[in-house]
Amino acid sequence: MTPEQLADRLDHAAKQVGPAIHRAVQHTGEVGRARIRGNASGRPGPNVITGAYRNSWETKTRRLPHGAMCTIGTNAPQGRRLEFGFMGMTDSLGRLYHQPPFPHVGPAIDFIGATLLMEMRYAVAEVLR
C-alpha cells in the first residue's frame, strides 16, 4: 500500500468513525437497558407488580464530535429507593421505613462496560477494513 492509498483509507475511516461509534453506543445503551430491566424483574432486584417501573427505563443517545454518549435512566420516583434501600428513614409524611435495597442497576454496570468495550472494538474494526 502506498502512502497515498493509506492516507485515503484513513481519510475514509475518519469520516466513518463518528457514525460507527454512535451505532455502537446506541446498541450498548439498549443492551444495558435490557439488562437493568431484567435485573428489575424479581429477586435479588425488585419484584414486578405492574411492570410500570421496569418499563420506565429509557435510553437517550446523543452525537458528539467523532463519538456519542448514552444515558440510561428512569424518572420513576421509586428508582433510588429500590436500588439503595430506605432503611430507618422517615418520609415527608412522617412514616418510618425499613426497606432493604434491591440492586438492579449496580449489578448491570460491569456487563454494560464490557459490552461497550466490545462494541468499540467492532466499530474501529468496521471503519478500518
C-alpha atoms as a PDB file:
ATOM      1  CA  MET A   1       0.000   0.000   0.000  1.00  0.00           C
ATOM      2  CA  THR A   2       1.366   3.386  -0.995  1.00  0.00           C
ATOM      3  CA  PRO A   3       1.388   6.345   1.396  1.00  0.00           C
ATOM      4  CA  GLU A   4      -1.321   7.986  -0.742  1.00  0.00           C
ATOM      5  CA  GLN A   5      -3.528   4.904  -0.517  1.00  0.00           C
ATOM      6  CA  LEU A   6      -3.016   4.779   3.252  1.00  0.00           C
ATOM      7  CA  ALA A   7      -3.899   8.469   3.543  1.00  0.00           C
ATOM      8  CA  ASP A   8      -7.082   7.924   1.501  1.00  0.00           C
ATOM      9  CA  ARG A   9      -8.037   4.941   3.622  1.00  0.00           C
ATOM     10  CA  LEU A  10      -7.503   6.894   6.858  1.00  0.00           C
ATOM     11  CA  ASP A  11      -9.500   9.853   5.500  1.00  0.00           C
ATOM     12  CA  HIS A  12     -12.347   7.497   4.686  1.00  0.00           C
ATOM     13  CA  ALA A  13     -12.128   5.932   8.173  1.00  0.00           C
ATOM     14  CA  ALA A  14     -12.165   9.371   9.817  1.00  0.00           C
ATOM     15  CA  LYS A  15     -15.476  10.143   8.111  1.00  0.00           C
ATOM     16  CA  GLN A  16     -16.963   6.819   9.198  1.00  0.00           C
ATOM     17  CA  VAL A  17     -15.781   6.651  12.815  1.00  0.00           C
ATOM     18  CA  GLY A  18     -18.392   9.050  14.250  1.00  0.00           C
ATOM     19  CA  PRO A  19     -21.426   7.181  12.866  1.00  0.00           C
ATOM     20  CA  ALA A  20     -19.897   3.794  13.756  1.00  0.00           C
ATOM     21  CA  ILE A  21     -19.293   4.855  17.345  1.00  0.00           C
ATOM     22  CA  HIS A  22     -22.806   6.319  17.554  1.00  0.00           C
ATOM     23  CA  ARG A  23     -24.288   2.984  16.475  1.00  0.00           C
ATOM     24  CA  ALA A  24     -22.098   1.107  18.962  1.00  0.00           C
ATOM     25  CA  VAL A  25     -23.006   3.400  21.871  1.00  0.00           C
ATOM     26  CA  GLN A  26     -26.702   3.293  20.962  1.00  0.00           C
ATOM     27  CA  HIS A  27     -26.653  -0.509  20.819  1.00  0.00           C
ATOM     28  CA  THR A  28     -24.805  -0.699  24.146  1.00  0.00           C
ATOM     29  CA  GLY A  29     -27.436   1.561  25.707  1.00  0.00           C
ATOM     30  CA  GLU A  30     -30.247  -0.679  24.518  1.00  0.00           C
ATOM     31  CA  VAL A  31     -28.472  -3.797  25.753  1.00  0.00           C
ATOM     32  CA  GLY A  32     -27.764  -2.082  29.082  1.00  0.00           C
ATOM     33  CA  ARG A  33     -31.382  -1.039  29.466  1.00  0.00           C
ATOM     34  CA  ALA A  34     -32.467  -4.607  28.771  1.00  0.00           C
ATOM     35  CA  ARG A  35     -30.069  -5.887  31.446  1.00  0.00           C
ATOM     36  CA  ILE A  36     -31.360  -3.370  34.014  1.00  0.00           C
ATOM     37  CA  ARG A  37     -34.959  -4.243  33.162  1.00  0.00           C
ATOM     38  CA  GLY A  38     -34.128  -7.924  33.524  1.00  0.00           C
ATOM     39  CA  ASN A  39     -32.499  -7.271  36.896  1.00  0.00           C
ATOM     40  CA  ALA A  40     -35.639  -5.354  37.943  1.00  0.00           C
ATOM     41  CA  SER A  41     -37.813  -8.384  37.261  1.00  0.00           C
ATOM     42  CA  GLY A  42     -37.632 -10.097  40.625  1.00  0.00           C
ATOM     43  CA  ARG A  43     -35.168 -11.083  43.316  1.00  0.00           C
ATOM     44  CA  PRO A  44     -32.479 -10.157  44.056  1.00  0.00           C
ATOM     45  CA  GLY A  45     -33.801  -6.995  42.343  1.00  0.00           C
ATOM     46  CA  PRO A  46     -37.250  -5.513  42.947  1.00  0.00           C
ATOM     47  CA  ASN A  47     -40.320  -7.631  42.351  1.00  0.00           C
ATOM     48  CA  VAL A  48     -42.616  -6.770  39.466  1.00  0.00           C
ATOM     49  CA  ILE A  49     -46.100  -5.682  40.496  1.00  0.00           C
ATOM     50  CA  THR A  50     -47.453  -3.791  37.486  1.00  0.00           C
ATOM     51  CA  GLY A  51     -44.343  -3.592  35.269  1.00  0.00           C
ATOM     52  CA  ALA A  52     -44.593   0.206  35.158  1.00  0.00           C
ATOM     53  CA  TYR A  53     -41.289   0.734  36.982  1.00  0.00           C
ATOM     54  CA  ARG A  54     -39.419  -1.773  34.823  1.00  0.00           C
ATOM     55  CA  ASN A  55     -40.855  -0.173  31.682  1.00  0.00           C
ATOM     56  CA  SER A  56     -39.908   3.333  32.850  1.00  0.00           C
ATOM     57  CA  TRP A  57     -36.241   2.774  31.991  1.00  0.00           C
ATOM     58  CA  GLU A  58     -35.148   4.720  28.902  1.00  0.00           C
ATOM     59  CA  THR A  59     -32.039   5.391  26.869  1.00  0.00           C
ATOM     60  CA  LYS A  60     -31.033   8.671  25.270  1.00  0.00           C
ATOM     61  CA  THR A  61     -28.135   8.652  22.817  1.00  0.00           C
ATOM     62  CA  ARG A  62     -26.529  11.906  21.727  1.00  0.00           C
ATOM     63  CA  ARG A  63     -23.990  12.508  18.978  1.00  0.00           C
ATOM     64  CA  LEU A  64     -20.671  14.083  19.898  1.00  0.00           C
ATOM     65  CA  PRO A  65     -17.853  15.113  17.556  1.00  0.00           C
ATOM     66  CA  HIS A  66     -16.420  11.770  16.422  1.00  0.00           C
ATOM     67  CA  GLY A  67     -18.423   9.859  19.014  1.00  0.00           C
ATOM     68  CA  ALA A  68     -21.548   9.581  21.090  1.00  0.00           C
ATOM     69  CA  MET A  69     -22.841   9.329  24.637  1.00  0.00           C
ATOM     70  CA  CYS A  70     -25.751   7.390  26.039  1.00  0.00           C
ATOM     71  CA  THR A  71     -27.701   7.891  29.242  1.00  0.00           C
ATOM     72  CA  ILE A  72     -29.740   5.076  30.726  1.00  0.00           C
ATOM     73  CA  GLY A  73     -32.206   6.127  33.412  1.00  0.00           C
ATOM     74  CA  THR A  74     -35.662   6.372  34.853  1.00  0.00           C
ATOM     75  CA  ASN A  75     -37.782   9.224  36.135  1.00  0.00           C
ATOM     76  CA  ALA A  76     -39.723   6.864  38.402  1.00  0.00           C
ATOM     77  CA  PRO A  77     -39.656   8.236  41.954  1.00  0.00           C
ATOM     78  CA  GLN A  78     -39.030   4.811  43.494  1.00  0.00           C
ATOM     79  CA  GLY A  79     -35.861   4.155  41.476  1.00  0.00           C
ATOM     80  CA  ARG A  80     -33.319   5.383  44.019  1.00  0.00           C
ATOM     81  CA  ARG A  81     -35.209   3.814  46.917  1.00  0.00           C
ATOM     82  CA  LEU A  82     -35.353   0.420  45.198  1.00  0.00           C
ATOM     83  CA  GLU A  83     -31.671   0.471  44.241  1.00  0.00           C
ATOM     84  CA  PHE A  84     -30.221   1.736  47.534  1.00  0.00           C
ATOM     85  CA  GLY A  85     -32.927   0.980  50.098  1.00  0.00           C
ATOM     86  CA  PHE A  86     -34.608   3.283  52.571  1.00  0.00           C
ATOM     87  CA  MET A  87     -33.514   1.992  55.949  1.00  0.00           C
ATOM     88  CA  GLY A  88     -34.506   3.768  59.151  1.00  0.00           C
ATOM     89  CA  MET A  89     -35.615   6.870  57.309  1.00  0.00           C
ATOM     90  CA  THR A  90     -38.730   8.940  57.647  1.00  0.00           C
ATOM     91  CA  ASP A  91     -40.585  10.173  54.584  1.00  0.00           C
ATOM     92  CA  SER A  92     -42.250  13.560  54.182  1.00  0.00           C
ATOM     93  CA  LEU A  93     -45.438  12.237  55.863  1.00  0.00           C
ATOM     94  CA  GLY A  94     -43.548  11.074  58.945  1.00  0.00           C
ATOM     95  CA  ARG A  95     -43.685   7.349  58.154  1.00  0.00           C
ATOM     96  CA  LEU A  96     -40.652   5.314  59.233  1.00  0.00           C
ATOM     97  CA  TYR A  97     -39.355   2.885  56.602  1.00  0.00           C
ATOM     98  CA  HIS A  98     -37.099  -0.152  56.715  1.00  0.00           C
ATOM     99  CA  GLN A  99     -36.982  -1.052  53.035  1.00  0.00           C
ATOM    100  CA  PRO A 100     -33.858  -3.015  52.081  1.00  0.00           C
ATOM    101  CA  PRO A 101     -32.038  -2.306  48.823  1.00  0.00           C
ATOM    102  CA  PHE A 102     -32.909  -4.338  45.727  1.00  0.00           C
ATOM    103  CA  PRO A 103     -29.944  -3.559  43.461  1.00  0.00           C
ATOM    104  CA  HIS A 104     -30.653  -3.850  39.778  1.00  0.00           C
ATOM    105  CA  VAL A 105     -28.556  -1.071  38.202  1.00  0.00           C
ATOM    106  CA  GLY A 106     -25.288  -1.714  40.038  1.00  0.00           C
ATOM    107  CA  PRO A 107     -25.136  -5.369  39.009  1.00  0.00           C
ATOM    108  CA  ALA A 108     -25.526  -4.330  35.345  1.00  0.00           C
ATOM    109  CA  ILE A 109     -22.601  -1.874  35.285  1.00  0.00           C
ATOM    110  CA  ASP A 110     -19.786  -4.376  34.626  1.00  0.00           C
ATOM    111  CA  PHE A 111     -21.817  -6.009  31.855  1.00  0.00           C
ATOM    112  CA  ILE A 112     -22.530  -2.619  30.235  1.00  0.00           C
ATOM    113  CA  GLY A 113     -18.833  -1.674  30.395  1.00  0.00           C
ATOM    114  CA  ALA A 114     -17.736  -4.954  28.824  1.00  0.00           C
ATOM    115  CA  THR A 115     -20.387  -4.593  26.111  1.00  0.00           C
ATOM    116  CA  LEU A 116     -19.268  -1.043  25.332  1.00  0.00           C
ATOM    117  CA  LEU A 117     -15.646  -2.136  25.048  1.00  0.00           C
ATOM    118  CA  MET A 118     -16.616  -4.943  22.659  1.00  0.00           C
ATOM    119  CA  GLU A 119     -18.812  -2.594  20.588  1.00  0.00           C
ATOM    120  CA  MET A 120     -15.997  -0.013  20.337  1.00  0.00           C
ATOM    121  CA  ARG A 121     -13.640  -2.714  19.050  1.00  0.00           C
ATOM    122  CA  TYR A 122     -16.204  -3.686  16.416  1.00  0.00           C
ATOM    123  CA  ALA A 123     -16.716  -0.040  15.425  1.00  0.00           C
ATOM    124  CA  VAL A 124     -12.982   0.568  14.949  1.00  0.00           C
ATOM    125  CA  ALA A 125     -12.584  -2.681  13.009  1.00  0.00           C
ATOM    126  CA  GLU A 126     -15.543  -1.720  10.812  1.00  0.00           C
ATOM    127  CA  VAL A 127     -14.082   1.633   9.781  1.00  0.00           C
ATOM    128  CA  LEU A 128     -10.551   0.315   9.265  1.00  0.00           C
ATOM    129  CA  ARG A 129     -11.356  -2.630   6.989  1.00  0.00           C
END
